[in-house]
Amino acid sequence: MGDTSSIRGFSANLKKAVCWISETVREHSERSRKDILTEAELRFDLSPRECEFLDTNFQELVEKNCSARD
């Protein structure tokens, strides 16, 4: 999966969520950002702090993790 070194100090669930988000964006580009984030937050039981981190850094994380896999 993608490089998660940029999110040190966060839970394993957040790291898994970032990888899942990257895969979901790649495979389902028609899905909205809000839908993907909401599903990730629920699927990986993220804390409010982690949800805020994802929302703030969504585009950067997706670009970094998707490009790391190419």
N, C-alpha and C. Protein backbone atom coordinates (compact mmCIF):
# COMPACT_ATOMS: atom_id res chain seq x y z
N MET A 1 0.85 -1.18 0.00
CA MET A 1 0.00 0.00 0.00
C MET A 1 0.89 1.23 0.00
N GLY A 2 0.30 2.41 0.07
CA GLY A 2 1.05 3.65 -0.05
C GLY A 2 1.94 3.95 1.12
N ASP A 3 2.73 4.99 0.98
CA ASP A 3 3.65 5.44 2.02
C ASP A 3 2.89 6.21 3.09
N THR A 4 2.95 5.72 4.33
CA THR A 4 2.24 6.39 5.42
C THR A 4 3.20 7.05 6.39
N SER A 5 4.45 7.22 6.01
CA SER A 5 5.44 7.80 6.92
C SER A 5 5.11 9.24 7.29
N SER A 6 4.33 9.93 6.46
CA SER A 6 3.99 11.33 6.74
C SER A 6 2.96 11.46 7.85
N ILE A 7 2.40 10.34 8.32
CA ILE A 7 1.38 10.43 9.36
C ILE A 7 1.83 9.70 10.63
N ARG A 8 3.12 9.77 10.94
CA ARG A 8 3.62 9.18 12.18
C ARG A 8 2.93 9.81 13.37
N GLY A 9 2.76 9.04 14.41
CA GLY A 9 2.13 9.55 15.61
C GLY A 9 0.62 9.37 15.63
N PHE A 10 0.07 8.91 14.54
CA PHE A 10 -1.36 8.64 14.49
C PHE A 10 -1.57 7.14 14.60
N SER A 11 -2.80 6.75 14.82
CA SER A 11 -3.12 5.34 15.03
C SER A 11 -2.92 4.51 13.77
N ALA A 12 -2.82 3.21 13.99
CA ALA A 12 -2.75 2.27 12.87
C ALA A 12 -4.02 2.36 12.04
N ASN A 13 -5.16 2.63 12.69
CA ASN A 13 -6.41 2.76 11.95
C ASN A 13 -6.37 3.93 10.97
N LEU A 14 -5.77 5.04 11.37
CA LEU A 14 -5.66 6.18 10.45
C LEU A 14 -4.77 5.82 9.28
N LYS A 15 -3.68 5.14 9.54
CA LYS A 15 -2.79 4.74 8.46
C LYS A 15 -3.51 3.81 7.48
N LYS A 16 -4.30 2.88 8.02
CA LYS A 16 -5.09 1.99 7.16
C LYS A 16 -6.12 2.78 6.38
N ALA A 17 -6.72 3.77 7.02
CA ALA A 17 -7.73 4.60 6.35
C ALA A 17 -7.12 5.36 5.18
N VAL A 18 -5.92 5.89 5.35
CA VAL A 18 -5.26 6.63 4.28
C VAL A 18 -5.03 5.72 3.08
N CYS A 19 -4.57 4.51 3.33
CA CYS A 19 -4.35 3.57 2.24
C CYS A 19 -5.68 3.21 1.57
N TRP A 20 -6.70 2.98 2.37
CA TRP A 20 -8.01 2.64 1.82
C TRP A 20 -8.57 3.80 0.98
N ILE A 21 -8.41 5.02 1.48
CA ILE A 21 -8.88 6.20 0.74
C ILE A 21 -8.17 6.29 -0.60
N SER A 22 -6.86 6.10 -0.60
CA SER A 22 -6.10 6.17 -1.85
C SER A 22 -6.60 5.14 -2.86
N GLU A 23 -6.83 3.92 -2.39
CA GLU A 23 -7.33 2.87 -3.27
C GLU A 23 -8.74 3.20 -3.77
N THR A 24 -9.57 3.70 -2.89
CA THR A 24 -10.96 4.01 -3.25
C THR A 24 -11.02 5.14 -4.27
N VAL A 25 -10.22 6.17 -4.08
CA VAL A 25 -10.18 7.28 -5.04
C VAL A 25 -9.71 6.78 -6.40
N ARG A 26 -8.73 5.91 -6.38
CA ARG A 26 -8.18 5.39 -7.63
C ARG A 26 -9.20 4.52 -8.36
N GLU A 27 -9.89 3.67 -7.62
CA GLU A 27 -10.80 2.71 -8.24
C GLU A 27 -12.21 3.26 -8.46
N HIS A 28 -12.58 4.30 -7.71
CA HIS A 28 -13.94 4.85 -7.79
C HIS A 28 -13.88 6.38 -7.83
N SER A 29 -13.29 6.91 -8.86
CA SER A 29 -13.09 8.35 -8.97
C SER A 29 -14.41 9.12 -9.04
N GLU A 30 -15.51 8.42 -9.32
CA GLU A 30 -16.81 9.09 -9.38
C GLU A 30 -17.38 9.40 -8.01
N ARG A 31 -16.86 8.79 -6.97
CA ARG A 31 -17.38 9.02 -5.61
C ARG A 31 -16.93 10.37 -5.09
N SER A 32 -17.77 11.00 -4.30
CA SER A 32 -17.44 12.33 -3.77
C SER A 32 -16.46 12.21 -2.60
N ARG A 33 -15.72 13.28 -2.41
CA ARG A 33 -14.78 13.37 -1.30
C ARG A 33 -15.50 13.13 0.02
N LYS A 34 -16.65 13.77 0.20
CA LYS A 34 -17.39 13.65 1.46
C LYS A 34 -17.80 12.21 1.72
N ASP A 35 -18.30 11.53 0.71
CA ASP A 35 -18.71 10.13 0.87
C ASP A 35 -17.53 9.24 1.25
N ILE A 36 -16.41 9.43 0.60
CA ILE A 36 -15.22 8.62 0.87
C ILE A 36 -14.73 8.87 2.29
N LEU A 37 -14.65 10.14 2.69
CA LEU A 37 -14.19 10.45 4.04
C LEU A 37 -15.13 9.90 5.10
N THR A 38 -16.43 10.05 4.88
CA THR A 38 -17.41 9.56 5.85
C THR A 38 -17.28 8.05 6.01
N GLU A 39 -17.17 7.35 4.90
CA GLU A 39 -17.04 5.89 4.99
C GLU A 39 -15.75 5.49 5.69
N ALA A 40 -14.65 6.18 5.40
CA ALA A 40 -13.37 5.87 6.05
C ALA A 40 -13.45 6.11 7.55
N GLU A 41 -14.07 7.22 7.94
CA GLU A 41 -14.18 7.55 9.36
C GLU A 41 -14.95 6.47 10.11
N LEU A 42 -16.00 5.95 9.51
CA LEU A 42 -16.80 4.91 10.15
C LEU A 42 -16.12 3.54 10.07
N ARG A 43 -15.61 3.22 8.91
CA ARG A 43 -15.00 1.91 8.68
C ARG A 43 -13.80 1.68 9.60
N PHE A 44 -13.02 2.72 9.84
CA PHE A 44 -11.78 2.58 10.62
C PHE A 44 -11.89 3.16 12.02
N ASP A 45 -13.11 3.52 12.45
CA ASP A 45 -13.37 3.99 13.81
C ASP A 45 -12.38 5.09 14.23
N LEU A 46 -12.32 6.15 13.44
CA LEU A 46 -11.35 7.21 13.68
C LEU A 46 -11.84 8.19 14.74
N SER A 47 -10.89 8.76 15.45
CA SER A 47 -11.20 9.77 16.47
C SER A 47 -11.54 11.09 15.78
N PRO A 48 -12.14 12.03 16.51
CA PRO A 48 -12.42 13.34 15.91
C PRO A 48 -11.14 14.03 15.40
N ARG A 49 -10.05 13.87 16.12
CA ARG A 49 -8.77 14.46 15.70
C ARG A 49 -8.31 13.85 14.37
N GLU A 50 -8.44 12.54 14.24
CA GLU A 50 -8.04 11.87 13.01
C GLU A 50 -8.95 12.25 11.85
N CYS A 51 -10.24 12.41 12.12
CA CYS A 51 -11.18 12.84 11.08
C CYS A 51 -10.81 14.23 10.58
N GLU A 52 -10.48 15.10 11.50
CA GLU A 52 -10.07 16.46 11.12
C GLU A 52 -8.79 16.42 10.28
N PHE A 53 -7.84 15.58 10.68
CA PHE A 53 -6.60 15.44 9.93
C PHE A 53 -6.89 14.98 8.50
N LEU A 54 -7.74 13.98 8.35
CA LEU A 54 -8.09 13.49 7.02
C LEU A 54 -8.74 14.58 6.18
N ASP A 55 -9.69 15.29 6.77
CA ASP A 55 -10.39 16.34 6.04
C ASP A 55 -9.43 17.43 5.59
N THR A 56 -8.52 17.80 6.45
CA THR A 56 -7.56 18.87 6.15
C THR A 56 -6.54 18.44 5.10
N ASN A 57 -6.13 17.18 5.13
CA ASN A 57 -5.02 16.72 4.30
C ASN A 57 -5.43 15.76 3.20
N PHE A 58 -6.71 15.65 2.92
CA PHE A 58 -7.24 14.67 1.99
C PHE A 58 -6.52 14.68 0.64
N GLN A 59 -6.46 15.78 -0.04
CA GLN A 59 -5.90 15.84 -1.39
C GLN A 59 -4.42 15.49 -1.38
N GLU A 60 -3.68 16.04 -0.44
CA GLU A 60 -2.24 15.76 -0.36
C GLU A 60 -1.99 14.27 -0.11
N LEU A 61 -2.75 13.68 0.80
CA LEU A 61 -2.57 12.26 1.11
C LEU A 61 -2.89 11.39 -0.09
N VAL A 62 -3.96 11.71 -0.79
CA VAL A 62 -4.35 10.91 -1.96
C VAL A 62 -3.28 11.00 -3.03
N GLU A 63 -2.82 12.21 -3.33
CA GLU A 63 -1.80 12.38 -4.37
C GLU A 63 -0.52 11.65 -4.00
N LYS A 64 -0.09 11.78 -2.76
CA LYS A 64 1.16 11.16 -2.32
C LYS A 64 1.06 9.65 -2.35
N ASN A 65 -0.03 9.10 -1.84
CA ASN A 65 -0.17 7.65 -1.77
C ASN A 65 -0.47 7.03 -3.12
N CYS A 66 -1.22 7.70 -3.96
CA CYS A 66 -1.49 7.15 -5.29
C CYS A 66 -0.24 7.18 -6.14
N SER A 67 0.53 8.25 -6.06
CA SER A 67 1.73 8.34 -6.88
C SER A 67 2.82 7.39 -6.38
N ALA A 68 2.80 7.04 -5.10
CA ALA A 68 3.78 6.11 -4.55
C ALA A 68 3.56 4.71 -5.09
N ARG A 69 2.35 4.39 -5.55
CA ARG A 69 2.02 3.05 -6.02
C ARG A 69 2.23 2.90 -7.52
N ASP A 70 2.37 4.01 -8.24
CA ASP A 70 2.51 3.94 -9.71
C ASP A 70 3.89 3.43 -10.11
